[in-house]
Amino acid sequence: MPLNDAIRSANKADPKLANAWKNKSGRELSVAELLSMPESEYMNEKQLEFFRSILEQQKNDLLMNAGETTEHLREDTTIVPDPADRATIEEEHALELRTRDRERKLLKKISQALASIESGDYGYCDETGEPIGLGRLLARPTATLSLEAQQRRELKQKLFGD
């Protein structure tokens, strides 16, 4: 994937990635700098710190959203006299709870990704042990499979079910 295409797809996946991320030394590492690093330096300390920052920011955002949901759900809906309005509010709450459930599952994946950074396994496919690739990790920082391995898994699921 050419460098510009990878940057564009990363920015589409998460507009925050258009901004640079600070590493421990305080110097910012941009997506372009990350992608321009040679393959021989795959998952070096700067890259790991870059992805750690992304994952920690996502984790903080999700935890903040969960707190907002708790406050929102505490609002008293019994004072709404119109049954249609009450039903609308209850449906909105149900939708919000489904969204938070998905985010809860994502939090678990983020925690696993942060643990794999600490153990030195981050960025490598769980099935093949090959590098996942920076472009894929920018689009989905919690990815555990290379693109080819993920496609094989999805094809198996489609053919054989769960």
C-alpha atoms as a PDB file:
ATOM      1  CA  MET A   1       0.000   0.000   0.000  1.00  0.00           C
ATOM      2  CA  PRO A   2       1.572   3.313  -0.998  1.00  0.00           C
ATOM      3  CA  LEU A   3       2.402   5.691   1.820  1.00  0.00           C
ATOM      4  CA  ASN A   4      -0.224   8.324   0.920  1.00  0.00           C
ATOM      5  CA  ASP A   5      -2.980   5.693   0.619  1.00  0.00           C
ATOM      6  CA  ALA A   6      -2.077   4.284   4.025  1.00  0.00           C
ATOM      7  CA  ILE A   7      -2.190   7.741   5.604  1.00  0.00           C
ATOM      8  CA  ARG A   8      -5.555   8.512   3.986  1.00  0.00           C
ATOM      9  CA  SER A   9      -7.079   5.213   5.113  1.00  0.00           C
ATOM     10  CA  ALA A  10      -5.745   5.699   8.646  1.00  0.00           C
ATOM     11  CA  ASN A  11      -7.213   9.188   8.802  1.00  0.00           C
ATOM     12  CA  LYS A  12     -10.582   7.908   7.562  1.00  0.00           C
ATOM     13  CA  ALA A  13     -10.559   5.138  10.169  1.00  0.00           C
ATOM     14  CA  ASP A  14      -9.904   7.607  12.979  1.00  0.00           C
ATOM     15  CA  PRO A  15      -9.616  11.340  12.283  1.00  0.00           C
ATOM     16  CA  LYS A  16      -7.620  11.741  15.497  1.00  0.00           C
ATOM     17  CA  LEU A  17      -4.779   9.870  13.801  1.00  0.00           C
ATOM     18  CA  ALA A  18      -4.276  12.855  11.530  1.00  0.00           C
ATOM     19  CA  ASN A  19      -2.731  14.459  14.581  1.00  0.00           C
ATOM     20  CA  ALA A  20       0.659  13.436  15.840  1.00  0.00           C
ATOM     21  CA  TRP A  21       1.037  11.339  18.970  1.00  0.00           C
ATOM     22  CA  LYS A  22       3.622  12.062  21.635  1.00  0.00           C
ATOM     23  CA  ASN A  23       6.050   9.401  22.675  1.00  0.00           C
ATOM     24  CA  LYS A  24       7.716   9.178  26.103  1.00  0.00           C
ATOM     25  CA  SER A  25      10.436  11.641  25.138  1.00  0.00           C
ATOM     26  CA  GLY A  26       7.721  14.214  24.372  1.00  0.00           C
ATOM     27  CA  ARG A  27       8.577  14.331  20.689  1.00  0.00           C
ATOM     28  CA  GLU A  28       5.603  13.823  18.418  1.00  0.00           C
ATOM     29  CA  LEU A  29       5.575  10.985  15.906  1.00  0.00           C
ATOM     30  CA  SER A  30       3.301  11.517  12.938  1.00  0.00           C
ATOM     31  CA  VAL A  31       1.526   8.835  10.925  1.00  0.00           C
ATOM     32  CA  ALA A  32       3.724   9.704   7.933  1.00  0.00           C
ATOM     33  CA  GLU A  33       6.900   9.235  10.010  1.00  0.00           C
ATOM     34  CA  LEU A  34       5.566   5.966  11.360  1.00  0.00           C
ATOM     35  CA  LEU A  35       4.776   4.610   7.906  1.00  0.00           C
ATOM     36  CA  SER A  36       8.047   5.800   6.427  1.00  0.00           C
ATOM     37  CA  MET A  37      10.142   3.742   8.860  1.00  0.00           C
ATOM     38  CA  PRO A  38      11.948   0.807   7.249  1.00  0.00           C
ATOM     39  CA  GLU A  39      10.454  -2.677   7.614  1.00  0.00           C
ATOM     40  CA  SER A  40      13.559  -3.776   9.500  1.00  0.00           C
ATOM     41  CA  GLU A  41      12.459  -1.480  12.354  1.00  0.00           C
ATOM     42  CA  TYR A  42       8.962  -3.016  12.604  1.00  0.00           C
ATOM     43  CA  MET A  43       7.555  -2.651  16.130  1.00  0.00           C
ATOM     44  CA  ASN A  44      10.519  -0.727  17.465  1.00  0.00           C
ATOM     45  CA  GLU A  45      10.146   1.290  20.674  1.00  0.00           C
ATOM     46  CA  LYS A  46       8.810   4.402  18.894  1.00  0.00           C
ATOM     47  CA  GLN A  47       6.143   2.413  17.066  1.00  0.00           C
ATOM     48  CA  LEU A  48       5.110   0.575  20.216  1.00  0.00           C
ATOM     49  CA  GLU A  49       4.845   3.875  22.089  1.00  0.00           C
ATOM     50  CA  PHE A  50       2.787   5.330  19.214  1.00  0.00           C
ATOM     51  CA  PHE A  51       0.269   2.469  19.390  1.00  0.00           C
ATOM     52  CA  ARG A  52       0.278   2.467  23.201  1.00  0.00           C
ATOM     53  CA  SER A  53      -0.735   6.144  23.094  1.00  0.00           C
ATOM     54  CA  ILE A  54      -3.531   5.432  20.626  1.00  0.00           C
ATOM     55  CA  LEU A  55      -4.861   2.514  22.671  1.00  0.00           C
ATOM     56  CA  GLU A  56      -4.696   4.415  25.957  1.00  0.00           C
ATOM     57  CA  GLN A  57      -6.530   7.384  24.394  1.00  0.00           C
ATOM     58  CA  GLN A  58      -9.247   5.070  23.060  1.00  0.00           C
ATOM     59  CA  LYS A  59      -9.535   3.423  26.467  1.00  0.00           C
ATOM     60  CA  ASN A  60      -9.883   6.793  28.215  1.00  0.00           C
ATOM     61  CA  ASP A  61     -12.520   7.927  25.701  1.00  0.00           C
ATOM     62  CA  LEU A  62     -14.559   4.754  26.206  1.00  0.00           C
ATOM     63  CA  LEU A  63     -14.379   5.018  29.989  1.00  0.00           C
ATOM     64  CA  MET A  64     -15.497   8.647  29.820  1.00  0.00           C
ATOM     65  CA  ASN A  65     -18.433   7.631  27.581  1.00  0.00           C
ATOM     66  CA  ALA A  66     -19.418   4.968  30.104  1.00  0.00           C
ATOM     67  CA  GLY A  67     -19.548   7.578  32.864  1.00  0.00           C
ATOM     68  CA  GLU A  68     -21.739   9.822  30.723  1.00  0.00           C
ATOM     69  CA  THR A  69     -24.091   6.911  30.040  1.00  0.00           C
ATOM     70  CA  THR A  70     -24.446   6.222  33.750  1.00  0.00           C
ATOM     71  CA  GLU A  71     -25.388   9.837  34.365  1.00  0.00           C
ATOM     72  CA  HIS A  72     -27.781   9.855  31.420  1.00  0.00           C
ATOM     73  CA  LEU A  73     -29.549   6.680  32.549  1.00  0.00           C
ATOM     74  CA  ARG A  74     -30.038   8.093  36.044  1.00  0.00           C
ATOM     75  CA  GLU A  75     -32.313  10.775  34.644  1.00  0.00           C
ATOM     76  CA  ASP A  76     -35.845  10.246  35.902  1.00  0.00           C
ATOM     77  CA  THR A  77     -38.198   9.221  33.070  1.00  0.00           C
ATOM     78  CA  THR A  78     -41.224   8.676  35.291  1.00  0.00           C
ATOM     79  CA  ILE A  79     -42.108  12.376  35.186  1.00  0.00           C
ATOM     80  CA  VAL A  80     -42.803  12.175  31.437  1.00  0.00           C
ATOM     81  CA  PRO A  81     -46.606  11.896  31.279  1.00  0.00           C
ATOM     82  CA  ASP A  82     -46.934  10.954  27.607  1.00  0.00           C
ATOM     83  CA  PRO A  83     -46.507   7.181  27.058  1.00  0.00           C
ATOM     84  CA  ALA A  84     -45.147   7.768  23.544  1.00  0.00           C
ATOM     85  CA  ASP A  85     -42.459  10.104  24.878  1.00  0.00           C
ATOM     86  CA  ARG A  86     -41.606   7.627  27.627  1.00  0.00           C
ATOM     87  CA  ALA A  87     -41.309   4.827  25.052  1.00  0.00           C
ATOM     88  CA  THR A  88     -39.001   6.967  22.935  1.00  0.00           C
ATOM     89  CA  ILE A  89     -36.775   7.673  25.926  1.00  0.00           C
ATOM     90  CA  GLU A  90     -36.690   3.986  26.865  1.00  0.00           C
ATOM     91  CA  GLU A  91     -35.757   3.044  23.287  1.00  0.00           C
ATOM     92  CA  GLU A  92     -32.954   5.614  23.334  1.00  0.00           C
ATOM     93  CA  HIS A  93     -31.705   4.118  26.597  1.00  0.00           C
ATOM     94  CA  ALA A  94     -31.784   0.605  25.111  1.00  0.00           C
ATOM     95  CA  LEU A  95     -29.790   1.794  22.094  1.00  0.00           C
ATOM     96  CA  GLU A  96     -27.282   3.508  24.354  1.00  0.00           C
ATOM     97  CA  LEU A  97     -26.891   0.352  26.437  1.00  0.00           C
ATOM     98  CA  ARG A  98     -26.249  -1.741  23.304  1.00  0.00           C
ATOM     99  CA  THR A  99     -23.621   0.755  22.226  1.00  0.00           C
ATOM    100  CA  ARG A 100     -21.949   0.630  25.633  1.00  0.00           C
ATOM    101  CA  ASP A 101     -21.973  -3.177  25.512  1.00  0.00           C
ATOM    102  CA  ARG A 102     -20.039  -3.039  22.239  1.00  0.00           C
ATOM    103  CA  GLU A 103     -17.651  -0.550  23.820  1.00  0.00           C
ATOM    104  CA  ARG A 104     -17.209  -2.866  26.814  1.00  0.00           C
ATOM    105  CA  LYS A 105     -16.086  -5.599  24.433  1.00  0.00           C
ATOM    106  CA  LEU A 106     -13.733  -3.141  22.725  1.00  0.00           C
ATOM    107  CA  LEU A 107     -12.277  -2.195  26.122  1.00  0.00           C
ATOM    108  CA  LYS A 108     -11.389  -5.836  26.670  1.00  0.00           C
ATOM    109  CA  LYS A 109      -9.621  -5.950  23.289  1.00  0.00           C
ATOM    110  CA  ILE A 110      -7.777  -2.719  24.091  1.00  0.00           C
ATOM    111  CA  SER A 111      -6.595  -4.169  27.400  1.00  0.00           C
ATOM    112  CA  GLN A 112      -5.387  -7.292  25.602  1.00  0.00           C
ATOM    113  CA  ALA A 113      -3.555  -5.160  23.021  1.00  0.00           C
ATOM    114  CA  LEU A 114      -1.874  -3.116  25.771  1.00  0.00           C
ATOM    115  CA  ALA A 115      -0.835  -6.358  27.489  1.00  0.00           C
ATOM    116  CA  SER A 116       0.613  -7.660  24.210  1.00  0.00           C
ATOM    117  CA  ILE A 117       2.642  -4.445  23.887  1.00  0.00           C
ATOM    118  CA  GLU A 118       4.077  -5.098  27.335  1.00  0.00           C
ATOM    119  CA  SER A 119       4.852  -8.726  26.483  1.00  0.00           C
ATOM    120  CA  GLY A 120       6.419  -7.834  23.114  1.00  0.00           C
ATOM    121  CA  ASP A 121       3.856  -9.701  20.999  1.00  0.00           C
ATOM    122  CA  TYR A 122       2.016  -6.649  19.644  1.00  0.00           C
ATOM    123  CA  GLY A 123       1.892  -6.267  15.889  1.00  0.00           C
ATOM    124  CA  TYR A 124       2.338  -9.945  15.070  1.00  0.00           C
ATOM    125  CA  CYS A 125      -0.382 -12.301  13.856  1.00  0.00           C
ATOM    126  CA  ASP A 126      -1.691 -14.762  16.462  1.00  0.00           C
ATOM    127  CA  GLU A 127      -2.046 -17.510  13.834  1.00  0.00           C
ATOM    128  CA  THR A 128       1.030 -17.114  11.648  1.00  0.00           C
ATOM    129  CA  GLY A 129       3.432 -15.033  13.731  1.00  0.00           C
ATOM    130  CA  GLU A 130       3.983 -12.732  10.751  1.00  0.00           C
ATOM    131  CA  PRO A 131       3.803  -8.924  11.053  1.00  0.00           C
ATOM    132  CA  ILE A 132       0.243  -7.593  10.875  1.00  0.00           C
ATOM    133  CA  GLY A 133       1.386  -4.397   9.189  1.00  0.00           C
ATOM    134  CA  LEU A 134       1.334  -0.752  10.202  1.00  0.00           C
ATOM    135  CA  GLY A 135      -1.523   0.181   7.859  1.00  0.00           C
ATOM    136  CA  ARG A 136      -3.835  -2.436   9.369  1.00  0.00           C
ATOM    137  CA  LEU A 137      -2.834  -1.511  12.915  1.00  0.00           C
ATOM    138  CA  LEU A 138      -3.522   2.153  12.200  1.00  0.00           C
ATOM    139  CA  ALA A 139      -6.989   1.255  10.960  1.00  0.00           C
ATOM    140  CA  ARG A 140      -7.626  -1.218  13.812  1.00  0.00           C
ATOM    141  CA  PRO A 141      -5.103  -0.958  16.666  1.00  0.00           C
ATOM    142  CA  THR A 142      -6.640  -4.001  18.384  1.00  0.00           C
ATOM    143  CA  ALA A 143      -6.060  -6.313  15.384  1.00  0.00           C
ATOM    144  CA  THR A 144      -4.569  -9.681  16.310  1.00  0.00           C
ATOM    145  CA  LEU A 145      -4.554 -11.260  12.850  1.00  0.00           C
ATOM    146  CA  SER A 146      -2.871 -10.296   9.618  1.00  0.00           C
ATOM    147  CA  LEU A 147      -5.184  -9.330   6.790  1.00  0.00           C
ATOM    148  CA  GLU A 148      -4.733 -12.713   5.085  1.00  0.00           C
ATOM    149  CA  ALA A 149      -5.398 -14.658   8.292  1.00  0.00           C
ATOM    150  CA  GLN A 150      -8.497 -12.561   9.000  1.00  0.00           C
ATOM    151  CA  GLN A 151      -9.804 -13.168   5.470  1.00  0.00           C
ATOM    152  CA  ARG A 152      -9.258 -16.932   5.885  1.00  0.00           C
ATOM    153  CA  ARG A 153     -11.099 -16.895   9.211  1.00  0.00           C
ATOM    154  CA  GLU A 154     -14.036 -14.947   7.746  1.00  0.00           C
ATOM    155  CA  LEU A 155     -14.225 -17.305   4.763  1.00  0.00           C
ATOM    156  CA  LYS A 156     -14.307 -20.331   7.086  1.00  0.00           C
ATOM    157  CA  GLN A 157     -17.061 -18.715   9.137  1.00  0.00           C
ATOM    158  CA  LYS A 158     -19.044 -17.981   6.010  1.00  0.00           C
ATOM    159  CA  LEU A 159     -18.662 -21.534   4.678  1.00  0.00           C
ATOM    160  CA  PHE A 160     -18.978 -23.517   7.900  1.00  0.00           C
ATOM    161  CA  GLY A 161     -20.855 -21.208  10.225  1.00  0.00           C
ATOM    162  CA  ASP A 162     -19.645 -20.215  13.655  1.00  0.00           C
END
